[in-house]
Amino acid sequence: MKKYLLLAMLPGIFLAQAQVHADENQRHVAESKVVVKEFMGKLKIELQTAVKAGGPLKAIEVCSKVAPDIAKAQSMQHGMKVARTSLKLRNQANAPDAWETRVLQSFEERKQKGEDVKKMAYFEVVKADGKQTFRFMKAIPTGKVCLSCHGEKIEPAVKAKLDKIYPDDKAIGFKLGDVRGAFTIQKSM
């Protein structure tokens, strides 16, 4: 009788465990969204200040020097790896890994189907180096301010500075609303 009772309870146990994992994942998603919002907010303020002070030439310094510092500070503050990446790189240090590449490609496909880039996000729990790792990405839409340095028509002085800092720059030719890249988060579980 005990054996049958235990077997009858197993589906309920598995469902309870699945709910615990779902709740934990949603907690990680919510936390990731907060971190991304902080990153976007800090970066936006820095970019706006730079553009007012010296136009796109100053904004290049923010993206090349300040943004990595913001990511590093957030990584330390929140106990996770926080970064930016793209399929069209400017800085090779931001190169996507295989998982990020797949997600970025899916963002492009979702955009082609009409989904709003501003709302695109994706998470997954993966096994990395033998450990469960929570991964999250939030698409970065190409905004008006981005076009000065990432658009189809870049001023010669801006292009010259970009070429000097990033001789292998591929992060150009974007249009308003394109998937510029993504914020990416990794957290060991």
Protein backbone atom coordinates (compact mmCIF):
# COMPACT_ATOMS: atom_id res chain seq x y z
CA MET A 1 0.00 0.00 0.00
CA LYS A 2 2.83 2.41 0.90
CA LYS A 3 4.49 1.68 -2.44
CA TYR A 4 1.33 2.65 -4.37
CA LEU A 5 0.84 5.76 -2.24
CA LEU A 6 4.38 6.87 -3.00
CA LEU A 7 3.89 6.27 -6.72
CA ALA A 8 0.65 8.27 -6.62
CA MET A 9 2.48 11.17 -4.94
CA LEU A 10 5.36 11.33 -7.45
CA PRO A 11 3.59 13.48 -10.08
CA GLY A 12 2.70 16.02 -7.39
CA ILE A 13 6.30 16.10 -6.15
CA PHE A 14 7.61 16.69 -9.67
CA LEU A 15 5.04 19.44 -10.25
CA ALA A 16 6.03 21.13 -6.99
CA GLN A 17 9.71 21.00 -7.97
CA ALA A 18 8.91 22.40 -11.41
CA GLN A 19 7.00 25.27 -9.77
CA VAL A 20 9.95 26.02 -7.47
CA HIS A 21 12.26 26.19 -10.51
CA ALA A 22 9.78 28.37 -12.41
CA ASP A 23 9.50 30.75 -9.45
CA GLU A 24 13.29 30.88 -9.10
CA ASN A 25 13.69 31.60 -12.81
CA GLN A 26 11.13 34.41 -12.64
CA ARG A 27 13.06 35.89 -9.70
CA HIS A 28 16.24 35.82 -11.80
CA VAL A 29 14.41 37.38 -14.77
CA ALA A 30 13.03 40.18 -12.59
CA GLU A 31 16.47 40.82 -11.09
CA SER A 32 18.05 40.81 -14.55
CA LYS A 33 15.52 43.32 -15.84
CA VAL A 34 16.36 45.64 -12.93
CA VAL A 35 20.10 45.35 -13.64
CA VAL A 36 19.60 46.00 -17.36
CA LYS A 37 17.39 49.00 -16.60
CA GLU A 38 20.10 50.40 -14.29
CA PHE A 39 22.76 49.81 -16.95
CA MET A 40 20.63 51.46 -19.67
CA GLY A 41 19.81 54.38 -17.40
CA LYS A 42 23.41 55.05 -16.41
CA LEU A 43 24.65 54.64 -19.97
CA LYS A 44 21.93 56.92 -21.36
CA ILE A 45 22.77 59.69 -18.88
CA GLU A 46 26.47 59.42 -19.71
CA LEU A 47 25.77 59.49 -23.46
CA GLN A 48 23.42 62.46 -23.23
CA THR A 49 25.93 64.39 -21.13
CA ALA A 50 28.73 63.58 -23.57
CA VAL A 51 26.69 64.54 -26.64
CA LYS A 52 25.79 67.89 -25.03
CA ALA A 53 29.44 68.51 -24.11
CA GLY A 54 31.03 67.54 -27.41
CA GLY A 55 28.72 65.73 -29.77
CA PRO A 56 29.27 62.23 -31.14
CA LEU A 57 33.05 62.46 -30.68
CA LYS A 58 32.54 62.61 -26.91
CA ALA A 59 29.91 59.85 -27.07
CA ILE A 60 32.52 57.50 -28.54
CA GLU A 61 34.54 57.87 -25.34
CA VAL A 62 31.49 56.92 -23.26
CA CYS A 63 30.88 53.73 -25.22
CA SER A 64 34.57 52.79 -25.32
CA LYS A 65 35.56 53.66 -21.74
CA VAL A 66 32.59 54.38 -19.50
CA ALA A 67 30.21 51.58 -20.59
CA PRO A 68 32.69 48.80 -19.71
CA ASP A 69 33.20 50.41 -16.30
CA ILE A 70 29.44 50.52 -15.72
CA ALA A 71 29.20 46.82 -16.66
CA LYS A 72 32.09 45.93 -14.34
CA ALA A 73 30.60 47.86 -11.41
CA GLN A 74 27.20 46.26 -11.91
CA SER A 75 28.75 42.81 -12.19
CA MET A 76 30.43 43.29 -8.83
CA GLN A 77 27.41 44.92 -7.19
CA HIS A 78 24.94 42.23 -8.28
CA GLY A 79 27.16 39.13 -8.25
CA MET A 80 26.67 38.33 -11.91
CA LYS A 81 28.42 38.95 -15.21
CA VAL A 82 26.88 41.99 -16.92
CA ALA A 83 27.94 42.98 -20.44
CA ARG A 84 26.88 44.14 -23.90
CA THR A 85 27.30 42.24 -27.15
CA SER A 86 26.26 42.39 -30.80
CA LEU A 87 26.39 40.50 -34.07
CA LYS A 88 28.03 43.58 -35.62
CA LEU A 89 30.91 44.34 -33.27
CA ARG A 90 32.83 47.49 -32.71
CA ASN A 91 34.87 46.22 -29.77
CA GLN A 92 36.13 42.63 -30.05
CA ALA A 93 36.12 42.38 -26.24
CA ASN A 94 32.30 42.29 -26.50
CA ALA A 95 32.18 39.33 -28.90
CA PRO A 96 29.18 37.06 -28.32
CA ASP A 97 29.68 33.45 -27.32
CA ALA A 98 27.74 30.70 -29.13
CA TRP A 99 24.68 31.01 -26.88
CA GLU A 100 24.58 34.81 -27.24
CA THR A 101 24.98 34.52 -31.01
CA ARG A 102 21.94 32.21 -31.22
CA VAL A 103 19.86 34.59 -29.10
CA LEU A 104 20.94 37.64 -31.13
CA GLN A 105 20.02 35.79 -34.33
CA SER A 106 16.62 34.95 -32.84
CA PHE A 107 16.13 38.63 -31.98
CA GLU A 108 16.79 39.48 -35.64
CA GLU A 109 14.25 36.86 -36.74
CA ARG A 110 11.69 38.15 -34.25
CA LYS A 111 12.21 41.70 -35.54
CA GLN A 112 11.65 40.51 -39.11
CA LYS A 113 8.33 39.04 -37.98
CA GLY A 114 7.30 42.43 -36.60
CA GLU A 115 8.07 42.13 -32.90
CA ASP A 116 9.03 45.36 -31.11
CA VAL A 117 12.80 45.33 -30.43
CA LYS A 118 12.26 47.37 -27.24
CA LYS A 119 10.35 44.44 -25.71
CA MET A 120 12.65 41.61 -26.77
CA ALA A 121 14.26 39.54 -24.04
CA TYR A 122 15.16 35.91 -23.55
CA PHE A 123 16.35 33.73 -20.68
CA GLU A 124 17.47 30.17 -20.27
CA VAL A 125 19.13 28.01 -17.65
CA VAL A 126 22.10 26.26 -19.21
CA LYS A 127 24.89 24.02 -18.02
CA ALA A 128 28.25 25.82 -18.26
CA ASP A 129 31.46 24.28 -16.96
CA GLY A 130 29.39 21.66 -15.14
CA LYS A 131 27.29 24.29 -13.32
CA GLN A 132 23.72 25.48 -13.80
CA THR A 133 23.89 29.03 -15.11
CA PHE A 134 21.05 31.49 -15.58
CA ARG A 135 21.44 33.48 -18.82
CA PHE A 136 19.43 36.52 -19.83
CA MET A 137 19.57 38.89 -22.79
CA LYS A 138 17.66 42.10 -23.48
CA ALA A 139 17.77 43.56 -26.98
CA ILE A 140 19.17 47.06 -27.47
CA PRO A 141 17.15 48.93 -30.06
CA THR A 142 19.01 51.39 -32.28
CA GLY A 143 17.85 54.81 -31.15
CA LYS A 144 18.24 58.18 -32.80
CA VAL A 145 21.32 59.03 -30.72
CA CYS A 146 22.98 55.77 -31.84
CA LEU A 147 22.84 56.69 -35.52
CA SER A 148 25.58 59.35 -35.23
CA CYS A 149 28.15 56.61 -34.65
CA HIS A 150 26.36 53.45 -35.82
CA GLY A 151 24.17 54.66 -38.69
CA GLU A 152 24.51 54.58 -42.44
CA LYS A 153 25.85 58.13 -42.73
CA ILE A 154 28.60 58.97 -40.25
CA GLU A 155 30.35 62.34 -40.22
CA PRO A 156 33.97 62.15 -41.46
CA ALA A 157 35.46 63.30 -38.11
CA VAL A 158 33.45 60.68 -36.24
CA LYS A 159 34.37 57.98 -38.77
CA ALA A 160 38.07 58.92 -38.47
CA LYS A 161 37.98 58.62 -34.68
CA LEU A 162 36.12 55.30 -34.86
CA ASP A 163 38.63 53.96 -37.39
CA LYS A 164 41.49 54.98 -35.11
CA ILE A 165 40.04 53.33 -31.99
CA TYR A 166 38.35 50.39 -33.74
CA PRO A 167 40.15 49.49 -36.99
CA ASP A 168 37.95 46.38 -37.44
CA ASP A 169 34.66 48.18 -36.72
CA LYS A 170 31.59 46.33 -38.03
CA ALA A 171 29.01 48.24 -35.95
CA ILE A 172 27.81 50.58 -38.68
CA GLY A 173 24.97 50.68 -41.17
CA PHE A 174 22.19 50.48 -38.58
CA LYS A 175 18.78 52.04 -39.08
CA LEU A 176 16.41 53.41 -36.45
CA GLY A 177 14.77 50.48 -34.62
CA ASP A 178 17.32 47.83 -35.65
CA VAL A 179 18.67 45.36 -33.10
CA ARG A 180 21.88 47.19 -32.18
CA GLY A 181 22.91 44.38 -29.85
CA ALA A 182 21.91 43.20 -26.39
CA PHE A 183 22.65 43.48 -22.73
CA THR A 184 23.69 40.04 -21.52
CA ILE A 185 23.71 38.59 -18.02
CA GLN A 186 25.11 35.36 -16.59
CA LYS A 187 24.61 34.16 -13.04
CA SER A 188 25.69 30.89 -11.46
CA MET A 189 22.89 29.08 -9.70
